[in-house]
Amino acid sequence: MKKTAIFFTGLFILFVSAAVQAQDKTTEFFLGKWNVEIIGTPNGDAKMTINIEQKDGKMEATITGEGVDPAKVDRVDAKESSVTLYWMASGYDVYLVMQKTDDNKVEGNLMDMFSAKIERAE
């Protein structure tokens, strides 16, 4: 009975560590600079650059745009194949979803209302 409990405990620890490593590899895809164009906002199309970094074991991001001071993203939620960024803009809480489509492409939307063209900056 003791051997069985030790076996299942070891198997559980192995499974958890493999899941954590797999998540780290998928979220690593989103690290770096991204050129983002939000299509069809009331003020026209909006262009910005998002820089996503890994600091102290969690993802952080900043947003820069033409004629706008850099803004720090309040929260970054990383999932298996997507990242959601939350920040304040013009007094509104907004969020951008970045969804991985393949090894080099990302699709996105702003607040589920405006589509976004997103490509990795070089």
N, C-alpha and C. Protein backbone atom coordinates (compact mmCIF):
# COMPACT_ATOMS: atom_id res chain seq x y z
N MET A 1 0.82 -1.19 0.00
CA MET A 1 0.00 0.00 0.00
C MET A 1 0.86 1.25 0.00
N LYS A 2 1.96 1.25 0.80
CA LYS A 2 2.85 2.40 0.86
C LYS A 2 3.51 2.66 -0.49
N LYS A 3 3.91 1.58 -1.17
CA LYS A 3 4.55 1.71 -2.46
C LYS A 3 3.60 2.32 -3.49
N THR A 4 2.36 1.94 -3.43
CA THR A 4 1.37 2.49 -4.35
C THR A 4 1.17 3.97 -4.11
N ALA A 5 1.09 4.38 -2.85
CA ALA A 5 0.91 5.80 -2.53
C ALA A 5 2.12 6.60 -2.98
N ILE A 6 3.31 6.08 -2.78
CA ILE A 6 4.53 6.77 -3.21
C ILE A 6 4.56 6.87 -4.73
N PHE A 7 4.18 5.80 -5.41
CA PHE A 7 4.15 5.79 -6.87
C PHE A 7 3.21 6.87 -7.40
N PHE A 8 1.99 6.93 -6.88
CA PHE A 8 1.02 7.91 -7.36
C PHE A 8 1.42 9.34 -6.99
N THR A 9 2.05 9.53 -5.86
CA THR A 9 2.55 10.86 -5.49
C THR A 9 3.64 11.31 -6.46
N GLY A 10 4.57 10.42 -6.78
CA GLY A 10 5.62 10.74 -7.74
C GLY A 10 5.06 11.02 -9.12
N LEU A 11 4.06 10.23 -9.54
CA LEU A 11 3.41 10.42 -10.83
C LEU A 11 2.70 11.77 -10.89
N PHE A 12 2.06 12.16 -9.81
CA PHE A 12 1.36 13.45 -9.73
C PHE A 12 2.36 14.60 -9.84
N ILE A 13 3.48 14.51 -9.12
CA ILE A 13 4.49 15.57 -9.17
C ILE A 13 5.08 15.68 -10.58
N LEU A 14 5.32 14.57 -11.22
CA LEU A 14 5.82 14.56 -12.59
C LEU A 14 4.83 15.23 -13.53
N PHE A 15 3.56 14.93 -13.39
CA PHE A 15 2.52 15.50 -14.24
C PHE A 15 2.43 17.02 -14.05
N VAL A 16 2.46 17.47 -12.81
CA VAL A 16 2.36 18.91 -12.52
C VAL A 16 3.57 19.65 -13.09
N SER A 17 4.76 19.12 -12.90
CA SER A 17 5.96 19.80 -13.42
C SER A 17 5.95 19.84 -14.94
N ALA A 18 5.47 18.80 -15.60
CA ALA A 18 5.39 18.80 -17.06
C ALA A 18 4.37 19.83 -17.54
N ALA A 19 3.26 19.97 -16.84
CA ALA A 19 2.24 20.95 -17.22
C ALA A 19 2.76 22.37 -17.07
N VAL A 20 3.50 22.64 -16.03
CA VAL A 20 4.07 23.98 -15.82
C VAL A 20 5.08 24.29 -16.91
N GLN A 21 5.94 23.35 -17.26
CA GLN A 21 6.93 23.57 -18.31
C GLN A 21 6.24 23.78 -19.66
N ALA A 22 5.18 23.06 -19.95
CA ALA A 22 4.46 23.23 -21.21
C ALA A 22 3.83 24.60 -21.29
N GLN A 23 3.27 25.09 -20.18
CA GLN A 23 2.66 26.41 -20.18
C GLN A 23 3.72 27.48 -20.40
N ASP A 24 4.88 27.34 -19.77
CA ASP A 24 5.96 28.31 -19.95
C ASP A 24 6.38 28.40 -21.40
N LYS A 25 6.46 27.28 -22.09
CA LYS A 25 6.89 27.28 -23.49
C LYS A 25 5.84 27.96 -24.38
N THR A 26 4.55 27.75 -24.11
CA THR A 26 3.54 28.36 -24.95
C THR A 26 3.46 29.85 -24.70
N THR A 27 3.62 30.30 -23.46
CA THR A 27 3.55 31.73 -23.19
C THR A 27 4.83 32.44 -23.64
N GLU A 28 5.95 31.72 -23.75
CA GLU A 28 7.19 32.32 -24.25
C GLU A 28 7.00 32.85 -25.67
N PHE A 29 6.09 32.26 -26.42
CA PHE A 29 5.81 32.69 -27.78
C PHE A 29 5.43 34.17 -27.81
N PHE A 30 4.73 34.64 -26.80
CA PHE A 30 4.21 36.01 -26.79
C PHE A 30 5.23 37.04 -26.31
N LEU A 31 6.37 36.60 -25.79
CA LEU A 31 7.37 37.55 -25.31
C LEU A 31 7.98 38.30 -26.49
N GLY A 32 8.25 39.59 -26.28
CA GLY A 32 8.86 40.41 -27.33
C GLY A 32 7.96 41.57 -27.71
N LYS A 33 8.31 42.22 -28.83
CA LYS A 33 7.56 43.39 -29.30
C LYS A 33 6.59 42.99 -30.40
N TRP A 34 5.39 43.60 -30.32
CA TRP A 34 4.32 43.33 -31.27
C TRP A 34 3.78 44.64 -31.82
N ASN A 35 3.62 44.72 -33.14
CA ASN A 35 2.94 45.85 -33.76
C ASN A 35 1.46 45.51 -33.83
N VAL A 36 0.64 46.41 -33.29
CA VAL A 36 -0.80 46.16 -33.21
C VAL A 36 -1.53 47.30 -33.90
N GLU A 37 -2.51 46.96 -34.74
CA GLU A 37 -3.38 47.95 -35.35
C GLU A 37 -4.82 47.55 -35.04
N ILE A 38 -5.50 48.40 -34.27
CA ILE A 38 -6.90 48.17 -33.92
C ILE A 38 -7.74 48.80 -35.02
N ILE A 39 -8.62 48.03 -35.63
CA ILE A 39 -9.39 48.46 -36.79
C ILE A 39 -10.78 48.96 -36.38
N GLY A 40 -11.15 50.15 -36.86
CA GLY A 40 -12.53 50.63 -36.75
C GLY A 40 -12.94 51.24 -35.43
N THR A 41 -12.01 51.81 -34.66
CA THR A 41 -12.41 52.47 -33.42
C THR A 41 -13.11 53.79 -33.76
N PRO A 42 -13.87 54.38 -32.84
CA PRO A 42 -14.55 55.65 -33.13
C PRO A 42 -13.59 56.78 -33.54
N ASN A 43 -12.34 56.69 -33.11
CA ASN A 43 -11.33 57.70 -33.48
C ASN A 43 -10.48 57.24 -34.66
N GLY A 44 -10.92 56.26 -35.39
CA GLY A 44 -10.15 55.71 -36.51
C GLY A 44 -9.30 54.54 -36.07
N ASP A 45 -8.52 54.04 -37.00
CA ASP A 45 -7.64 52.91 -36.68
C ASP A 45 -6.53 53.38 -35.74
N ALA A 46 -6.24 52.58 -34.75
CA ALA A 46 -5.22 52.92 -33.74
C ALA A 46 -4.03 51.99 -33.89
N LYS A 47 -2.83 52.58 -33.93
CA LYS A 47 -1.61 51.78 -34.03
C LYS A 47 -0.83 51.92 -32.72
N MET A 48 -0.27 50.81 -32.28
CA MET A 48 0.53 50.80 -31.06
C MET A 48 1.54 49.68 -31.12
N THR A 49 2.53 49.76 -30.26
CA THR A 49 3.52 48.69 -30.10
C THR A 49 3.42 48.19 -28.67
N ILE A 50 3.34 46.88 -28.53
CA ILE A 50 3.26 46.26 -27.22
C ILE A 50 4.53 45.45 -26.99
N ASN A 51 5.16 45.68 -25.84
CA ASN A 51 6.35 44.93 -25.47
C ASN A 51 6.01 44.06 -24.26
N ILE A 52 6.09 42.75 -24.45
CA ILE A 52 5.77 41.80 -23.39
C ILE A 52 7.07 41.17 -22.91
N GLU A 53 7.28 41.22 -21.58
CA GLU A 53 8.50 40.70 -20.97
C GLU A 53 8.15 39.76 -19.82
N GLN A 54 9.10 38.93 -19.49
CA GLN A 54 8.98 38.04 -18.33
C GLN A 54 9.84 38.61 -17.22
N LYS A 55 9.24 39.00 -16.09
CA LYS A 55 9.98 39.54 -14.96
C LYS A 55 9.52 38.85 -13.68
N ASP A 56 10.47 38.36 -12.92
CA ASP A 56 10.19 37.70 -11.64
C ASP A 56 9.13 36.61 -11.78
N GLY A 57 9.19 35.86 -12.87
CA GLY A 57 8.29 34.73 -13.05
C GLY A 57 6.90 35.06 -13.56
N LYS A 58 6.63 36.34 -13.88
CA LYS A 58 5.32 36.67 -14.44
C LYS A 58 5.48 37.62 -15.61
N MET A 59 4.47 37.66 -16.45
CA MET A 59 4.53 38.49 -17.65
C MET A 59 4.10 39.91 -17.33
N GLU A 60 4.83 40.88 -17.92
CA GLU A 60 4.51 42.29 -17.80
C GLU A 60 4.56 42.88 -19.20
N ALA A 61 3.83 43.97 -19.41
CA ALA A 61 3.80 44.57 -20.74
C ALA A 61 3.69 46.08 -20.65
N THR A 62 4.20 46.75 -21.69
CA THR A 62 4.05 48.19 -21.85
C THR A 62 3.54 48.47 -23.25
N ILE A 63 2.81 49.57 -23.38
CA ILE A 63 2.23 49.96 -24.66
C ILE A 63 2.78 51.33 -25.04
N THR A 64 3.24 51.45 -26.27
CA THR A 64 3.67 52.74 -26.79
C THR A 64 2.94 53.00 -28.10
N GLY A 65 2.72 54.25 -28.38
CA GLY A 65 2.05 54.63 -29.61
C GLY A 65 2.50 56.00 -30.06
N GLU A 66 2.09 56.38 -31.24
CA GLU A 66 2.47 57.68 -31.80
C GLU A 66 1.85 58.80 -30.97
N GLY A 67 2.69 59.68 -30.44
CA GLY A 67 2.20 60.84 -29.70
C GLY A 67 1.60 60.52 -28.34
N VAL A 68 1.85 59.32 -27.84
CA VAL A 68 1.28 58.92 -26.55
C VAL A 68 2.42 58.46 -25.64
N ASP A 69 2.36 58.84 -24.37
CA ASP A 69 3.35 58.38 -23.41
C ASP A 69 3.21 56.87 -23.22
N PRO A 70 4.32 56.17 -22.98
CA PRO A 70 4.24 54.73 -22.73
C PRO A 70 3.31 54.44 -21.54
N ALA A 71 2.51 53.41 -21.69
CA ALA A 71 1.58 53.01 -20.63
C ALA A 71 1.92 51.59 -20.18
N LYS A 72 1.89 51.38 -18.88
CA LYS A 72 2.14 50.05 -18.32
C LYS A 72 0.81 49.30 -18.29
N VAL A 73 0.84 48.07 -18.73
CA VAL A 73 -0.34 47.22 -18.69
C VAL A 73 -0.56 46.79 -17.25
N ASP A 74 -1.81 46.90 -16.76
CA ASP A 74 -2.11 46.58 -15.37
C ASP A 74 -2.01 45.09 -15.07
N ARG A 75 -2.46 44.27 -16.03
CA ARG A 75 -2.50 42.83 -15.78
C ARG A 75 -2.31 42.08 -17.09
N VAL A 76 -1.59 40.97 -17.04
CA VAL A 76 -1.41 40.09 -18.19
C VAL A 76 -1.87 38.70 -17.78
N ASP A 77 -2.89 38.19 -18.45
CA ASP A 77 -3.37 36.82 -18.19
C ASP A 77 -2.93 35.93 -19.34
N ALA A 78 -2.07 34.97 -19.05
CA ALA A 78 -1.57 34.05 -20.07
C ALA A 78 -2.29 32.72 -19.94
N LYS A 79 -2.75 32.22 -21.06
CA LYS A 79 -3.37 30.89 -21.12
C LYS A 79 -2.55 30.05 -22.09
N GLU A 80 -3.07 28.88 -22.41
CA GLU A 80 -2.32 27.94 -23.23
C GLU A 80 -1.90 28.53 -24.58
N SER A 81 -2.81 29.18 -25.29
CA SER A 81 -2.46 29.71 -26.61
C SER A 81 -2.93 31.15 -26.79
N SER A 82 -3.13 31.87 -25.68
CA SER A 82 -3.54 33.26 -25.79
C SER A 82 -3.03 34.07 -24.61
N VAL A 83 -3.00 35.37 -24.81
CA VAL A 83 -2.63 36.31 -23.77
C VAL A 83 -3.66 37.44 -23.80
N THR A 84 -4.12 37.85 -22.63
CA THR A 84 -5.04 38.98 -22.53
C THR A 84 -4.37 40.07 -21.70
N LEU A 85 -4.34 41.29 -22.26
CA LEU A 85 -3.72 42.43 -21.61
C LEU A 85 -4.81 43.38 -21.15
N TYR A 86 -4.72 43.87 -19.91
CA TYR A 86 -5.71 44.78 -19.33
C TYR A 86 -5.03 46.09 -18.95
N TRP A 87 -5.62 47.24 -19.33
CA TRP A 87 -5.08 48.54 -18.96
C TRP A 87 -6.17 49.61 -19.04
N MET A 88 -5.82 50.82 -18.58
CA MET A 88 -6.73 51.97 -18.63
C MET A 88 -6.36 52.83 -19.83
N ALA A 89 -7.37 53.26 -20.60
CA ALA A 89 -7.15 54.15 -21.73
C ALA A 89 -8.29 55.16 -21.78
N SER A 90 -7.96 56.42 -21.71
CA SER A 90 -8.95 57.51 -21.75
C SER A 90 -10.05 57.31 -20.71
N GLY A 91 -9.68 56.81 -19.54
CA GLY A 91 -10.63 56.63 -18.46
C GLY A 91 -11.45 55.35 -18.52
N TYR A 92 -11.16 54.48 -19.47
CA TYR A 92 -11.90 53.22 -19.62
C TYR A 92 -10.99 52.04 -19.36
N ASP A 93 -11.54 51.00 -18.74
CA ASP A 93 -10.83 49.73 -18.62
C ASP A 93 -10.96 49.01 -19.95
N VAL A 94 -9.83 48.71 -20.57
CA VAL A 94 -9.86 48.01 -21.86
C VAL A 94 -9.01 46.75 -21.77
N TYR A 95 -9.26 45.84 -22.69
CA TYR A 95 -8.44 44.63 -22.76
C TYR A 95 -8.25 44.23 -24.21
N LEU A 96 -7.11 43.63 -24.46
CA LEU A 96 -6.74 43.14 -25.78
C LEU A 96 -6.44 41.66 -25.66
N VAL A 97 -7.09 40.86 -26.49
CA VAL A 97 -6.85 39.42 -26.52
C VAL A 97 -5.96 39.12 -27.72
N MET A 98 -4.86 38.42 -27.46
CA MET A 98 -3.95 37.99 -28.51
C MET A 98 -4.02 36.46 -28.56
N GLN A 99 -4.47 35.92 -29.67
CA GLN A 99 -4.69 34.48 -29.83
C GLN A 99 -3.70 33.93 -30.85
N LYS A 100 -2.89 32.97 -30.43
CA LYS A 100 -1.92 32.34 -31.33
C LYS A 100 -2.66 31.49 -32.35
N THR A 101 -2.35 31.70 -33.66
CA THR A 101 -2.99 30.90 -34.69
C THR A 101 -2.04 29.85 -35.25
N ASP A 102 -0.75 30.18 -35.37
CA ASP A 102 0.27 29.20 -35.71
C ASP A 102 1.61 29.73 -35.19
N ASP A 103 2.70 29.13 -35.62
CA ASP A 103 4.00 29.47 -35.04
C ASP A 103 4.43 30.92 -35.26
N ASN A 104 3.87 31.59 -36.25
CA ASN A 104 4.28 32.96 -36.55
C ASN A 104 3.14 33.96 -36.60
N LYS A 105 1.94 33.55 -36.31
CA LYS A 105 0.80 34.46 -36.48
C LYS A 105 -0.02 34.57 -35.20
N VAL A 106 -0.59 35.78 -35.05
CA VAL A 106 -1.45 36.07 -33.92
C VAL A 106 -2.67 36.83 -34.43
N GLU A 107 -3.84 36.49 -33.93
CA GLU A 107 -5.05 37.25 -34.20
C GLU A 107 -5.47 37.90 -32.90
N GLY A 108 -6.25 38.98 -33.00
CA GLY A 108 -6.65 39.62 -31.76
C GLY A 108 -7.90 40.45 -31.89
N ASN A 109 -8.36 40.91 -30.73
CA ASN A 109 -9.50 41.82 -30.69
C ASN A 109 -9.40 42.67 -29.44
N LEU A 110 -9.96 43.87 -29.54
CA LEU A 110 -10.00 44.78 -28.42
C LEU A 110 -11.41 44.77 -27.87
N MET A 111 -11.56 44.33 -26.64
CA MET A 111 -12.83 44.29 -25.91
C MET A 111 -13.94 43.55 -26.66
N ASP A 112 -13.57 42.57 -27.46
CA ASP A 112 -14.52 41.77 -28.25
C ASP A 112 -15.35 42.63 -29.20
N MET A 113 -14.88 43.86 -29.50
CA MET A 113 -15.64 44.75 -30.39
C MET A 113 -14.85 45.13 -31.64
N PHE A 114 -13.55 45.26 -31.53
CA PHE A 114 -12.73 45.72 -32.64
C PHE A 114 -11.66 44.69 -32.95
N SER A 115 -11.54 44.35 -34.24
CA SER A 115 -10.51 43.38 -34.60
C SER A 115 -9.14 44.06 -34.61
N ALA A 116 -8.12 43.25 -34.44
CA ALA A 116 -6.76 43.78 -34.38
C ALA A 116 -5.85 42.98 -35.30
N LYS A 117 -5.04 43.71 -36.06
CA LYS A 117 -3.98 43.09 -36.86
C LYS A 117 -2.74 43.12 -35.98
N ILE A 118 -2.16 41.97 -35.73
CA ILE A 118 -1.01 41.87 -34.83
C ILE A 118 0.09 41.08 -35.53
N GLU A 119 1.27 41.67 -35.53
CA GLU A 119 2.43 40.95 -36.05
C GLU A 119 3.66 41.27 -35.22
N ARG A 120 4.56 40.33 -35.20
CA ARG A 120 5.78 40.49 -34.40
C ARG A 120 6.63 41.60 -35.02
N ALA A 121 7.12 42.51 -34.16
CA ALA A 121 8.01 43.58 -34.61
C ALA A 121 9.42 43.03 -34.73
N GLU A 122 10.15 43.50 -35.71
CA GLU A 122 11.52 43.00 -35.90
C GLU A 122 12.53 43.98 -35.43
